[in-house]
Amino acid sequence: MKNYTITVNGKTYDVTVEEGGGSASAPRSQAVTAPAAVAAPTASTGAGSVRIEAGAAGKVFKLNVPVGTVVKKGDTVLTLEVMKMETPVVAAQDGTVASIEVAEGQQVEAGDLLATMN
């Protein structure tokens, strides 16, 4: 096993990589997770009852819909730029966009509140 320290978007992670005997297994890390593109419906303290949170750190690339827009499950609410890739953030359920909590060009961290829905 080898230990490495990596920095991603200003956050430092300690990563342990298992050296394999020729197997093609991916390195294991408990600190790094894949971004989620779908907003999870959870309780909110914002304007709407459904929170839309960033699945990964990045920059708000585009606000695709304004407040008050009726969206269907899977509709893109906004687009994040994550690791130089445009990543849509979609509605997890049908509803109405109640608030947009970010602005285009704003840097966000994983878990930051982006918008709310009802």
PDB file of N, CA and C in Angstrom:
ATOM      1  N   MET A   1       0.845  -1.177   0.000  1.00  0.00           N
ATOM      2  CA  MET A   1       0.000   0.000   0.000  1.00  0.00           C
ATOM      3  C   MET A   1       0.885   1.232   0.000  1.00  0.00           C
ATOM      4  N   LYS A   2       0.409   2.238  -0.739  1.00  0.00           N
ATOM      5  CA  LYS A   2       1.106   3.515  -0.780  1.00  0.00           C
ATOM      6  C   LYS A   2       0.141   4.599  -0.344  1.00  0.00           C
ATOM      7  N   ASN A   3       0.642   5.550   0.426  1.00  0.00           N
ATOM      8  CA  ASN A   3      -0.154   6.677   0.887  1.00  0.00           C
ATOM      9  C   ASN A   3       0.224   7.912   0.082  1.00  0.00           C
ATOM     10  N   TYR A   4      -0.794   8.651  -0.359  1.00  0.00           N
ATOM     11  CA  TYR A   4      -0.594   9.890  -1.101  1.00  0.00           C
ATOM     12  C   TYR A   4      -1.461  10.965  -0.476  1.00  0.00           C
ATOM     13  N   THR A   5      -1.019  12.203  -0.616  1.00  0.00           N
ATOM     14  CA  THR A   5      -1.823  13.353  -0.241  1.00  0.00           C
ATOM     15  C   THR A   5      -2.107  14.120  -1.516  1.00  0.00           C
ATOM     16  N   ILE A   6      -3.407  14.314  -1.810  1.00  0.00           N
ATOM     17  CA  ILE A   6      -3.778  15.053  -3.005  1.00  0.00           C
ATOM     18  C   ILE A   6      -4.628  16.249  -2.612  1.00  0.00           C
ATOM     19  N   THR A   7      -4.621  17.274  -3.449  1.00  0.00           N
ATOM     20  CA  THR A   7      -5.428  18.453  -3.213  1.00  0.00           C
ATOM     21  C   THR A   7      -6.364  18.633  -4.396  1.00  0.00           C
ATOM     22  N   VAL A   8      -7.656  18.730  -4.102  1.00  0.00           N
ATOM     23  CA  VAL A   8      -8.686  18.925  -5.111  1.00  0.00           C
ATOM     24  C   VAL A   8      -9.500  20.151  -4.720  1.00  0.00           C
ATOM     25  N   ASN A   9      -9.509  21.157  -5.588  1.00  0.00           N
ATOM     26  CA  ASN A   9     -10.245  22.400  -5.325  1.00  0.00           C
ATOM     27  C   ASN A   9      -9.931  22.980  -3.948  1.00  0.00           C
ATOM     28  N   GLY A  10      -8.666  22.943  -3.566  1.00  0.00           N
ATOM     29  CA  GLY A  10      -8.239  23.522  -2.311  1.00  0.00           C
ATOM     30  C   GLY A  10      -8.447  22.648  -1.092  1.00  0.00           C
ATOM     31  N   LYS A  11      -9.038  21.485  -1.241  1.00  0.00           N
ATOM     32  CA  LYS A  11      -9.233  20.563  -0.109  1.00  0.00           C
ATOM     33  C   LYS A  11      -8.192  19.457  -0.209  1.00  0.00           C
ATOM     34  N   THR A  12      -7.597  19.106   0.923  1.00  0.00           N
ATOM     35  CA  THR A  12      -6.558  18.084   0.962  1.00  0.00           C
ATOM     36  C   THR A  12      -7.150  16.763   1.408  1.00  0.00           C
ATOM     37  N   TYR A  13      -6.783  15.677   0.683  1.00  0.00           N
ATOM     38  CA  TYR A  13      -7.256  14.340   0.999  1.00  0.00           C
ATOM     39  C   TYR A  13      -6.064  13.407   1.139  1.00  0.00           C
ATOM     40  N   ASP A  14      -6.112  12.535   2.134  1.00  0.00           N
ATOM     41  CA  ASP A  14      -5.130  11.468   2.266  1.00  0.00           C
ATOM     42  C   ASP A  14      -5.711  10.239   1.597  1.00  0.00           C
ATOM     43  N   VAL A  15      -4.976   9.674   0.648  1.00  0.00           N
ATOM     44  CA  VAL A  15      -5.468   8.546  -0.136  1.00  0.00           C
ATOM     45  C   VAL A  15      -4.505   7.381   0.013  1.00  0.00           C
ATOM     46  N   THR A  16      -5.052   6.192   0.263  1.00  0.00           N
ATOM     47  CA  THR A  16      -4.252   4.981   0.325  1.00  0.00           C
ATOM     48  C   THR A  16      -4.555   4.152  -0.912  1.00  0.00           C
ATOM     49  N   VAL A  17      -3.502   3.768  -1.645  1.00  0.00           N
ATOM     50  CA  VAL A  17      -3.660   2.995  -2.872  1.00  0.00           C
ATOM     51  C   VAL A  17      -3.037   1.628  -2.661  1.00  0.00           C
ATOM     52  N   GLU A  18      -3.837   0.594  -2.925  1.00  0.00           N
ATOM     53  CA  GLU A  18      -3.357  -0.766  -2.813  1.00  0.00           C
ATOM     54  C   GLU A  18      -2.601  -1.129  -4.075  1.00  0.00           C
ATOM     55  N   GLU A  19      -1.415  -1.686  -3.921  1.00  0.00           N
ATOM     56  CA  GLU A  19      -0.660  -2.136  -5.079  1.00  0.00           C
ATOM     57  C   GLU A  19      -1.102  -3.556  -5.392  1.00  0.00           C
ATOM     58  N   GLY A  20      -1.583  -3.744  -6.629  1.00  0.00           N
ATOM     59  CA  GLY A  20      -2.095  -5.058  -7.016  1.00  0.00           C
ATOM     60  C   GLY A  20      -1.016  -5.878  -7.692  1.00  0.00           C
ATOM     61  N   GLY A  21      -1.235  -7.148  -7.683  1.00  0.00           N
ATOM     62  CA  GLY A  21      -0.322  -8.063  -8.354  1.00  0.00           C
ATOM     63  C   GLY A  21      -0.782  -8.335  -9.774  1.00  0.00           C
ATOM     64  N   GLY A  22      -0.997  -7.267 -10.559  1.00  0.00           N
ATOM     65  CA  GLY A  22      -1.399  -7.428 -11.942  1.00  0.00           C
ATOM     66  C   GLY A  22      -2.892  -7.295 -12.163  1.00  0.00           C
ATOM     67  N   SER A  23      -3.682  -7.159 -11.107  1.00  0.00           N
ATOM     68  CA  SER A  23      -5.120  -7.000 -11.301  1.00  0.00           C
ATOM     69  C   SER A  23      -5.419  -5.557 -11.671  1.00  0.00           C
ATOM     70  N   ALA A  24      -6.499  -5.356 -12.365  1.00  0.00           N
ATOM     71  CA  ALA A  24      -6.852  -4.025 -12.841  1.00  0.00           C
ATOM     72  C   ALA A  24      -7.905  -3.406 -11.934  1.00  0.00           C
ATOM     73  N   SER A  25      -7.619  -3.310 -10.651  1.00  0.00           N
ATOM     74  CA  SER A  25      -8.586  -2.711  -9.740  1.00  0.00           C
ATOM     75  C   SER A  25      -8.281  -1.231  -9.571  1.00  0.00           C
ATOM     76  N   ALA A  26      -9.327  -0.465  -9.312  1.00  0.00           N
ATOM     77  CA  ALA A  26      -9.181   0.982  -9.146  1.00  0.00           C
ATOM     78  C   ALA A  26      -8.624   1.280  -7.758  1.00  0.00           C
ATOM     79  N   PRO A  27      -7.902   2.394  -7.611  1.00  0.00           N
ATOM     80  CA  PRO A  27      -7.422   2.789  -6.287  1.00  0.00           C
ATOM     81  C   PRO A  27      -8.605   3.043  -5.356  1.00  0.00           C
ATOM     82  N   ARG A  28      -8.414   2.747  -4.081  1.00  0.00           N
ATOM     83  CA  ARG A  28      -9.470   2.940  -3.102  1.00  0.00           C
ATOM     84  C   ARG A  28      -9.225   4.231  -2.338  1.00  0.00           C
ATOM     85  N   SER A  29     -10.288   4.977  -2.146  1.00  0.00           N
ATOM     86  CA  SER A  29     -10.203   6.204  -1.377  1.00  0.00           C
ATOM     87  C   SER A  29     -11.529   6.440  -0.689  1.00  0.00           C
ATOM     88  N   GLN A  30     -11.482   6.743   0.571  1.00  0.00           N
ATOM     89  CA  GLN A  30     -12.718   7.024   1.281  1.00  0.00           C
ATOM     90  C   GLN A  30     -13.069   8.498   1.200  1.00  0.00           C
ATOM     91  N   ALA A  31     -12.139   9.340   0.784  1.00  0.00           N
ATOM     92  CA  ALA A  31     -12.364  10.781   0.800  1.00  0.00           C
ATOM     93  C   ALA A  31     -12.950  11.318  -0.494  1.00  0.00           C
ATOM     94  N   VAL A  32     -12.772  10.651  -1.607  1.00  0.00           N
ATOM     95  CA  VAL A  32     -13.201  11.172  -2.895  1.00  0.00           C
ATOM     96  C   VAL A  32     -14.465  10.456  -3.336  1.00  0.00           C
ATOM     97  N   THR A  33     -15.496  11.228  -3.710  1.00  0.00           N
ATOM     98  CA  THR A  33     -16.746  10.647  -4.185  1.00  0.00           C
ATOM     99  C   THR A  33     -17.102  11.235  -5.532  1.00  0.00           C
ATOM    100  N   ALA A  34     -17.899  10.516  -6.294  1.00  0.00           N
ATOM    101  CA  ALA A  34     -18.315  10.980  -7.612  1.00  0.00           C
ATOM    102  C   ALA A  34     -19.407  12.032  -7.468  1.00  0.00           C
ATOM    103  N   PRO A  35     -19.462  12.991  -8.394  1.00  0.00           N
ATOM    104  CA  PRO A  35     -20.504  14.010  -8.307  1.00  0.00           C
ATOM    105  C   PRO A  35     -21.874  13.440  -8.636  1.00  0.00           C
ATOM    106  N   ALA A  36     -22.872  13.939  -7.959  1.00  0.00           N
ATOM    107  CA  ALA A  36     -24.246  13.526  -8.241  1.00  0.00           C
ATOM    108  C   ALA A  36     -24.896  14.603  -9.086  1.00  0.00           C
ATOM    109  N   ALA A  37     -25.514  14.227 -10.175  1.00  0.00           N
ATOM    110  CA  ALA A  37     -26.135  15.192 -11.069  1.00  0.00           C
ATOM    111  C   ALA A  37     -27.607  15.397 -10.746  1.00  0.00           C
ATOM    112  N   VAL A  38     -28.185  14.559  -9.896  1.00  0.00           N
ATOM    113  CA  VAL A  38     -29.607  14.661  -9.573  1.00  0.00           C
ATOM    114  C   VAL A  38     -29.754  15.229  -8.176  1.00  0.00           C
ATOM    115  N   ALA A  39     -30.611  16.225  -8.047  1.00  0.00           N
ATOM    116  CA  ALA A  39     -30.863  16.828  -6.745  1.00  0.00           C
ATOM    117  C   ALA A  39     -31.737  15.894  -5.919  1.00  0.00           C
ATOM    118  N   ALA A  40     -31.344  15.677  -4.685  1.00  0.00           N
ATOM    119  CA  ALA A  40     -32.087  14.775  -3.807  1.00  0.00           C
ATOM    120  C   ALA A  40     -33.176  15.536  -3.073  1.00  0.00           C
ATOM    121  N   PRO A  41     -34.395  15.018  -3.038  1.00  0.00           N
ATOM    122  CA  PRO A  41     -35.445  15.698  -2.288  1.00  0.00           C
ATOM    123  C   PRO A  41     -35.225  15.517  -0.789  1.00  0.00           C
ATOM    124  N   THR A  42     -35.022  16.619  -0.090  1.00  0.00           N
ATOM    125  CA  THR A  42     -34.844  16.591   1.362  1.00  0.00           C
ATOM    126  C   THR A  42     -35.496  17.829   1.954  1.00  0.00           C
ATOM    127  N   ALA A  43     -35.616  17.870   3.257  1.00  0.00           N
ATOM    128  CA  ALA A  43     -36.181  19.034   3.924  1.00  0.00           C
ATOM    129  C   ALA A  43     -35.280  20.242   3.715  1.00  0.00           C
ATOM    130  N   SER A  44     -35.876  21.417   3.681  1.00  0.00           N
ATOM    131  CA  SER A  44     -35.120  22.633   3.410  1.00  0.00           C
ATOM    132  C   SER A  44     -35.517  23.731   4.378  1.00  0.00           C
ATOM    133  N   THR A  45     -34.606  24.648   4.620  1.00  0.00           N
ATOM    134  CA  THR A  45     -34.937  25.837   5.388  1.00  0.00           C
ATOM    135  C   THR A  45     -35.100  27.023   4.455  1.00  0.00           C
ATOM    136  N   GLY A  46     -34.906  26.810   3.126  1.00  0.00           N
ATOM    137  CA  GLY A  46     -35.031  27.863   2.125  1.00  0.00           C
ATOM    138  C   GLY A  46     -36.491  28.062   1.733  1.00  0.00           C
ATOM    139  N   ALA A  47     -36.712  28.688   0.577  1.00  0.00           N
ATOM    140  CA  ALA A  47     -38.049  29.035   0.115  1.00  0.00           C
ATOM    141  C   ALA A  47     -38.876  27.810  -0.254  1.00  0.00           C
ATOM    142  N   GLY A  48     -38.233  26.756  -0.759  1.00  0.00           N
ATOM    143  CA  GLY A  48     -38.955  25.557  -1.170  1.00  0.00           C
ATOM    144  C   GLY A  48     -38.694  24.405  -0.229  1.00  0.00           C
ATOM    145  N   SER A  49     -39.504  23.359  -0.362  1.00  0.00           N
ATOM    146  CA  SER A  49     -39.367  22.213   0.528  1.00  0.00           C
ATOM    147  C   SER A  49     -38.394  21.161   0.000  1.00  0.00           C
ATOM    148  N   VAL A  50     -37.938  21.307  -1.252  1.00  0.00           N
ATOM    149  CA  VAL A  50     -36.991  20.359  -1.845  1.00  0.00           C
ATOM    150  C   VAL A  50     -35.688  21.100  -2.124  1.00  0.00           C
ATOM    151  N   ARG A  51     -34.605  20.621  -1.531  1.00  0.00           N
ATOM    152  CA  ARG A  51     -33.293  21.254  -1.718  1.00  0.00           C
ATOM    153  C   ARG A  51     -32.611  20.677  -2.952  1.00  0.00           C
ATOM    154  N   ILE A  52     -31.983  21.547  -3.731  1.00  0.00           N
ATOM    155  CA  ILE A  52     -31.141  21.123  -4.842  1.00  0.00           C
ATOM    156  C   ILE A  52     -29.731  21.539  -4.456  1.00  0.00           C
ATOM    157  N   GLU A  53     -28.864  20.533  -4.233  1.00  0.00           N
ATOM    158  CA  GLU A  53     -27.515  20.781  -3.736  1.00  0.00           C
ATOM    159  C   GLU A  53     -26.478  20.365  -4.768  1.00  0.00           C
ATOM    160  N   ALA A  54     -25.304  20.974  -4.671  1.00  0.00           N
ATOM    161  CA  ALA A  54     -24.203  20.631  -5.565  1.00  0.00           C
ATOM    162  C   ALA A  54     -23.684  19.245  -5.206  1.00  0.00           C
ATOM    163  N   GLY A  55     -23.509  18.399  -6.218  1.00  0.00           N
ATOM    164  CA  GLY A  55     -22.961  17.065  -6.004  1.00  0.00           C
ATOM    165  C   GLY A  55     -21.448  17.070  -5.998  1.00  0.00           C
ATOM    166  N   ALA A  56     -20.844  18.152  -6.496  1.00  0.00           N
ATOM    167  CA  ALA A  56     -19.387  18.276  -6.556  1.00  0.00           C
ATOM    168  C   ALA A  56     -19.032  19.752  -6.564  1.00  0.00           C
ATOM    169  N   ALA A  57     -17.801  20.045  -6.234  1.00  0.00           N
ATOM    170  CA  ALA A  57     -17.321  21.424  -6.279  1.00  0.00           C
ATOM    171  C   ALA A  57     -17.172  21.858  -7.730  1.00  0.00           C
ATOM    172  N   GLY A  58     -17.455  23.107  -7.994  1.00  0.00           N
ATOM    173  CA  GLY A  58     -17.320  23.626  -9.351  1.00  0.00           C
ATOM    174  C   GLY A  58     -17.780  25.061  -9.417  1.00  0.00           C
ATOM    175  N   LYS A  59     -18.120  25.492 -10.635  1.00  0.00           N
ATOM    176  CA  LYS A  59     -18.573  26.859 -10.871  1.00  0.00           C
ATOM    177  C   LYS A  59     -19.939  26.798 -11.549  1.00  0.00           C
ATOM    178  N   VAL A  60     -20.834  27.700 -11.135  1.00  0.00           N
ATOM    179  CA  VAL A  60     -22.145  27.766 -11.766  1.00  0.00           C
ATOM    180  C   VAL A  60     -21.938  28.295 -13.182  1.00  0.00           C
ATOM    181  N   PHE A  61     -22.219  27.456 -14.167  1.00  0.00           N
ATOM    182  CA  PHE A  61     -21.996  27.799 -15.568  1.00  0.00           C
ATOM    183  C   PHE A  61     -23.201  28.530 -16.150  1.00  0.00           C
ATOM    184  N   LYS A  62     -24.416  28.009 -15.840  1.00  0.00           N
ATOM    185  CA  LYS A  62     -25.621  28.604 -16.416  1.00  0.00           C
ATOM    186  C   LYS A  62     -26.822  28.309 -15.534  1.00  0.00           C
ATOM    187  N   LEU A  63     -27.669  29.317 -15.353  1.00  0.00           N
ATOM    188  CA  LEU A  63     -28.964  29.123 -14.701  1.00  0.00           C
ATOM    189  C   LEU A  63     -29.952  28.856 -15.829  1.00  0.00           C
ATOM    190  N   ASN A  64     -30.454  27.635 -15.913  1.00  0.00           N
ATOM    191  CA  ASN A  64     -31.286  27.236 -17.049  1.00  0.00           C
ATOM    192  C   ASN A  64     -32.737  27.673 -16.932  1.00  0.00           C
ATOM    193  N   VAL A  65     -33.246  27.858 -15.708  1.00  0.00           N
ATOM    194  CA  VAL A  65     -34.643  28.261 -15.518  1.00  0.00           C
ATOM    195  C   VAL A  65     -34.727  29.333 -14.437  1.00  0.00           C
ATOM    196  N   PRO A  66     -35.676  30.265 -14.565  1.00  0.00           N
ATOM    197  CA  PRO A  66     -35.867  31.276 -13.515  1.00  0.00           C
ATOM    198  C   PRO A  66     -36.794  30.755 -12.411  1.00  0.00           C
ATOM    199  N   VAL A  67     -36.836  31.476 -11.308  1.00  0.00           N
ATOM    200  CA  VAL A  67     -37.753  31.162 -10.212  1.00  0.00           C
ATOM    201  C   VAL A  67     -39.178  31.201 -10.750  1.00  0.00           C
ATOM    202  N   GLY A  68     -40.000  30.262 -10.315  1.00  0.00           N
ATOM    203  CA  GLY A  68     -41.389  30.200 -10.742  1.00  0.00           C
ATOM    204  C   GLY A  68     -41.634  29.233 -11.889  1.00  0.00           C
ATOM    205  N   THR A  69     -40.568  28.700 -12.476  1.00  0.00           N
ATOM    206  CA  THR A  69     -40.704  27.773 -13.593  1.00  0.00           C
ATOM    207  C   THR A  69     -41.193  26.419 -13.096  1.00  0.00           C
ATOM    208  N   VAL A  70     -42.172  25.864 -13.786  1.00  0.00           N
ATOM    209  CA  VAL A  70     -42.660  24.511 -13.488  1.00  0.00           C
ATOM    210  C   VAL A  70     -41.751  23.546 -14.242  1.00  0.00           C
ATOM    211  N   VAL A  71     -41.146  22.595 -13.506  1.00  0.00           N
ATOM    212  CA  VAL A  71     -40.229  21.629 -14.115  1.00  0.00           C
ATOM    213  C   VAL A  71     -40.729  20.210 -13.880  1.00  0.00           C
ATOM    214  N   LYS A  72     -40.340  19.335 -14.769  1.00  0.00           N
ATOM    215  CA  LYS A  72     -40.638  17.907 -14.656  1.00  0.00           C
ATOM    216  C   LYS A  72     -39.397  17.187 -14.146  1.00  0.00           C
ATOM    217  N   LYS A  73     -39.555  16.029 -13.574  1.00  0.00           N
ATOM    218  CA  LYS A  73     -38.431  15.211 -13.135  1.00  0.00           C
ATOM    219  C   LYS A  73     -37.471  15.030 -14.312  1.00  0.00           C
ATOM    220  N   GLY A  74     -36.195  15.335 -14.092  1.00  0.00           N
ATOM    221  CA  GLY A  74     -35.176  15.187 -15.128  1.00  0.00           C
ATOM    222  C   GLY A  74     -34.873  16.461 -15.899  1.00  0.00           C
ATOM    223  N   ASP A  75     -35.709  17.518 -15.744  1.00  0.00           N
ATOM    224  CA  ASP A  75     -35.422  18.789 -16.410  1.00  0.00           C
ATOM    225  C   ASP A  75     -34.188  19.438 -15.774  1.00  0.00           C
ATOM    226  N   THR A  76     -33.357  20.068 -16.596  1.00  0.00           N
ATOM    227  CA  THR A  76     -32.162  20.749 -16.093  1.00  0.00           C
ATOM    228  C   THR A  76     -32.562  22.071 -15.444  1.00  0.00           C
ATOM    229  N   VAL A  77     -32.170  22.238 -14.177  1.00  0.00           N
ATOM    230  CA  VAL A  77     -32.446  23.468 -13.438  1.00  0.00           C
ATOM    231  C   VAL A  77     -31.291  24.443 -13.624  1.00  0.00           C
ATOM    232  N   LEU A  78     -30.065  23.926 -13.510  1.00  0.00           N
ATOM    233  CA  LEU A  78     -28.871  24.742 -13.743  1.00  0.00           C
ATOM    234  C   LEU A  78     -27.737  23.836 -14.177  1.00  0.00           C
ATOM    235  N   THR A  79     -26.686  24.459 -14.656  1.00  0.00           N
ATOM    236  CA  THR A  79     -25.534  23.705 -15.133  1.00  0.00           C
ATOM    237  C   THR A  79     -24.302  24.136 -14.362  1.00  0.00           C
ATOM    238  N   LEU A  80     -23.559  23.159 -13.839  1.00  0.00           N
ATOM    239  CA  LEU A  80     -22.294  23.421 -13.165  1.00  0.00           C
ATOM    240  C   LEU A  80     -21.148  23.076 -14.103  1.00  0.00           C
ATOM    241  N   GLU A  81     -20.049  23.780 -13.959  1.00  0.00           N
ATOM    242  CA  GLU A  81     -18.817  23.390 -14.636  1.00  0.00           C
ATOM    243  C   GLU A  81     -17.969  22.681 -13.593  1.00  0.00           C
ATOM    244  N   VAL A  82     -17.828  21.366 -13.777  1.00  0.00           N
ATOM    245  CA  VAL A  82     -17.081  20.525 -12.841  1.00  0.00           C
ATOM    246  C   VAL A  82     -15.919  19.907 -13.600  1.00  0.00           C
ATOM    247  N   MET A  83     -14.718  20.203 -13.180  1.00  0.00           N
ATOM    248  CA  MET A  83     -13.513  19.684 -13.832  1.00  0.00           C
ATOM    249  C   MET A  83     -13.553  19.947 -15.345  1.00  0.00           C
ATOM    250  N   LYS A  84     -13.920  21.188 -15.709  1.00  0.00           N
ATOM    251  CA  LYS A  84     -13.970  21.663 -17.101  1.00  0.00           C
ATOM    252  C   LYS A  84     -15.017  20.961 -17.946  1.00  0.00           C
ATOM    253  N   MET A  85     -15.980  20.319 -17.291  1.00  0.00           N
ATOM    254  CA  MET A  85     -17.083  19.659 -18.008  1.00  0.00           C
ATOM    255  C   MET A  85     -18.407  20.268 -17.548  1.00  0.00           C
ATOM    256  N   GLU A  86     -19.296  20.537 -18.494  1.00  0.00           N
ATOM    257  CA  GLU A  86     -20.616  21.036 -18.147  1.00  0.00           C
ATOM    258  C   GLU A  86     -21.444  19.877 -17.588  1.00  0.00           C
ATOM    259  N   THR A  87     -21.922  20.056 -16.357  1.00  0.00           N
ATOM    260  CA  THR A  87     -22.664  19.009 -15.665  1.00  0.00           C
ATOM    261  C   THR A  87     -24.054  19.518 -15.316  1.00  0.00           C
ATOM    262  N   PRO A  88     -25.101  18.957 -15.947  1.00  0.00           N
ATOM    263  CA  PRO A  88     -26.453  19.426 -15.621  1.00  0.00           C
ATOM    264  C   PRO A  88     -26.882  18.983 -14.232  1.00  0.00           C
ATOM    265  N   VAL A  89     -27.575  19.879 -13.538  1.00  0.00           N
ATOM    266  CA  VAL A  89     -28.194  19.554 -12.253  1.00  0.00           C
ATOM    267  C   VAL A  89     -29.691  19.522 -12.538  1.00  0.00           C
ATOM    268  N   VAL A  90     -30.292  18.355 -12.366  1.00  0.00           N
ATOM    269  CA  VAL A  90     -31.678  18.165 -12.793  1.00  0.00           C
ATOM    270  C   VAL A  90     -32.622  18.016 -11.617  1.00  0.00           C
ATOM    271  N   ALA A  91     -33.901  18.279 -11.897  1.00  0.00           N
ATOM    272  CA  ALA A  91     -34.949  18.132 -10.889  1.00  0.00           C
ATOM    273  C   ALA A  91     -35.159  16.654 -10.588  1.00  0.00           C
ATOM    274  N   ALA A  92     -35.226  16.326  -9.309  1.00  0.00           N
ATOM    275  CA  ALA A  92     -35.433  14.938  -8.893  1.00  0.00           C
ATOM    276  C   ALA A  92     -36.910  14.559  -8.912  1.00  0.00           C
ATOM    277  N   GLN A  93     -37.780  15.563  -9.063  1.00  0.00           N
ATOM    278  CA  GLN A  93     -39.217  15.308  -9.087  1.00  0.00           C
ATOM    279  C   GLN A  93     -39.898  16.469  -9.797  1.00  0.00           C
ATOM    280  N   ASP A  94     -41.164  16.303 -10.140  1.00  0.00           N
ATOM    281  CA  ASP A  94     -41.942  17.391 -10.717  1.00  0.00           C
ATOM    282  C   ASP A  94     -42.138  18.463  -9.647  1.00  0.00           C
ATOM    283  N   GLY A  95     -42.184  19.734 -10.062  1.00  0.00           N
ATOM    284  CA  GLY A  95     -42.421  20.803  -9.107  1.00  0.00           C
ATOM    285  C   GLY A  95     -42.188  22.173  -9.716  1.00  0.00           C
ATOM    286  N   THR A  96     -42.130  23.171  -8.843  1.00  0.00           N
ATOM    287  CA  THR A  96     -41.913  24.560  -9.242  1.00  0.00           C
ATOM    288  C   THR A  96     -40.648  25.065  -8.562  1.00  0.00           C
ATOM    289  N   VAL A  97     -39.780  25.723  -9.323  1.00  0.00           N
ATOM    290  CA  VAL A  97     -38.559  26.290  -8.763  1.00  0.00           C
ATOM    291  C   VAL A  97     -38.958  27.437  -7.841  1.00  0.00           C
ATOM    292  N   ALA A  98     -38.637  27.311  -6.549  1.00  0.00           N
ATOM    293  CA  ALA A  98     -39.025  28.300  -5.547  1.00  0.00           C
ATOM    294  C   ALA A  98     -37.951  29.357  -5.330  1.00  0.00           C
ATOM    295  N   SER A  99     -36.667  28.957  -5.435  1.00  0.00           N
ATOM    296  CA  SER A  99     -35.581  29.925  -5.256  1.00  0.00           C
ATOM    297  C   SER A  99     -34.334  29.446  -5.971  1.00  0.00           C
ATOM    298  N   ILE A 100     -33.538  30.408  -6.401  1.00  0.00           N
ATOM    299  CA  ILE A 100     -32.202  30.143  -6.945  1.00  0.00           C
ATOM    300  C   ILE A 100     -31.241  30.803  -5.957  1.00  0.00           C
ATOM    301  N   GLU A 101     -30.365  30.027  -5.367  1.00  0.00           N
ATOM    302  CA  GLU A 101     -29.500  30.510  -4.290  1.00  0.00           C
ATOM    303  C   GLU A 101     -28.087  30.893  -4.755  1.00  0.00           C
ATOM    304  N   VAL A 102     -27.806  30.771  -6.065  1.00  0.00           N
ATOM    305  CA  VAL A 102     -26.471  31.045  -6.592  1.00  0.00           C
ATOM    306  C   VAL A 102     -26.578  31.946  -7.821  1.00  0.00           C
ATOM    307  N   ALA A 103     -25.433  32.439  -8.270  1.00  0.00           N
ATOM    308  CA  ALA A 103     -25.372  33.270  -9.476  1.00  0.00           C
ATOM    309  C   ALA A 103     -24.404  32.647 -10.465  1.00  0.00           C
ATOM    310  N   GLU A 104     -24.603  32.935 -11.748  1.00  0.00           N
ATOM    311  CA  GLU A 104     -23.678  32.434 -12.759  1.00  0.00           C
ATOM    312  C   GLU A 104     -22.269  32.920 -12.434  1.00  0.00           C
ATOM    313  N   GLY A 105     -21.300  32.014 -12.572  1.00  0.00           N
ATOM    314  CA  GLY A 105     -19.906  32.332 -12.286  1.00  0.00           C
ATOM    315  C   GLY A 105     -19.491  32.090 -10.848  1.00  0.00           C
ATOM    316  N   GLN A 106     -20.434  31.812  -9.970  1.00  0.00           N
ATOM    317  CA  GLN A 106     -20.140  31.597  -8.550  1.00  0.00           C
ATOM    318  C   GLN A 106     -19.505  30.233  -8.325  1.00  0.00           C
ATOM    319  N   GLN A 107     -18.469  30.183  -7.496  1.00  0.00           N
ATOM    320  CA  GLN A 107     -17.842  28.919  -7.105  1.00  0.00           C
ATOM    321  C   GLN A 107     -18.706  28.272  -6.023  1.00  0.00           C
ATOM    322  N   VAL A 108     -18.904  26.952  -6.115  1.00  0.00           N
ATOM    323  CA  VAL A 108     -19.669  26.214  -5.109  1.00  0.00           C
ATOM    324  C   VAL A 108     -18.881  24.984  -4.678  1.00  0.00           C
ATOM    325  N   GLU A 109     -19.174  24.522  -3.497  1.00  0.00           N
ATOM    326  CA  GLU A 109     -18.571  23.299  -2.961  1.00  0.00           C
ATOM    327  C   GLU A 109     -19.630  22.210  -2.930  1.00  0.00           C
ATOM    328  N   ALA A 110     -19.214  20.964  -2.895  1.00  0.00           N
ATOM    329  CA  ALA A 110     -20.140  19.841  -2.799  1.00  0.00           C
ATOM    330  C   ALA A 110     -21.028  20.035  -1.579  1.00  0.00           C
ATOM    331  N   GLY A 111     -22.330  19.868  -1.766  1.00  0.00           N
ATOM    332  CA  GLY A 111     -23.284  20.014  -0.672  1.00  0.00           C
ATOM    333  C   GLY A 111     -23.878  21.407  -0.530  1.00  0.00           C
ATOM    334  N   ASP A 112     -23.325  22.404  -1.260  1.00  0.00           N
ATOM    335  CA  ASP A 112     -23.874  23.755  -1.189  1.00  0.00           C
ATOM    336  C   ASP A 112     -25.281  23.783  -1.757  1.00  0.00           C
ATOM    337  N   LEU A 113     -26.156  24.591  -1.162  1.00  0.00           N
ATOM    338  CA  LEU A 113     -27.509  24.763  -1.637  1.00  0.00           C
ATOM    339  C   LEU A 113     -27.483  25.593  -2.915  1.00  0.00           C
ATOM    340  N   LEU A 114     -28.047  25.052  -4.001  1.00  0.00           N
ATOM    341  CA  LEU A 114     -28.083  25.748  -5.288  1.00  0.00           C
ATOM    342  C   LEU A 114     -29.444  26.379  -5.545  1.00  0.00           C
ATOM    343  N   ALA A 115     -30.501  25.640  -5.216  1.00  0.00           N
ATOM    344  CA  ALA A 115     -31.855  26.099  -5.475  1.00  0.00           C
ATOM    345  C   ALA A 115     -32.817  25.292  -4.619  1.00  0.00           C
ATOM    346  N   THR A 116     -34.069  25.731  -4.579  1.00  0.00           N
ATOM    347  CA  THR A 116     -35.112  24.959  -3.899  1.00  0.00           C
ATOM    348  C   THR A 116     -36.314  24.841  -4.825  1.00  0.00           C
ATOM    349  N   MET A 117     -37.121  23.825  -4.546  1.00  0.00           N
ATOM    350  CA  MET A 117     -38.353  23.577  -5.317  1.00  0.00           C
ATOM    351  C   MET A 117     -39.496  23.291  -4.362  1.00  0.00           C
ATOM    352  N   ASN A 118     -40.698  23.443  -4.866  1.00  0.00           N
ATOM    353  CA  ASN A 118     -41.918  23.020  -4.159  1.00  0.00           C
ATOM    354  C   ASN A 118     -42.573  21.930  -4.946  1.00  0.00           C
TER     355      ASN A 118
END
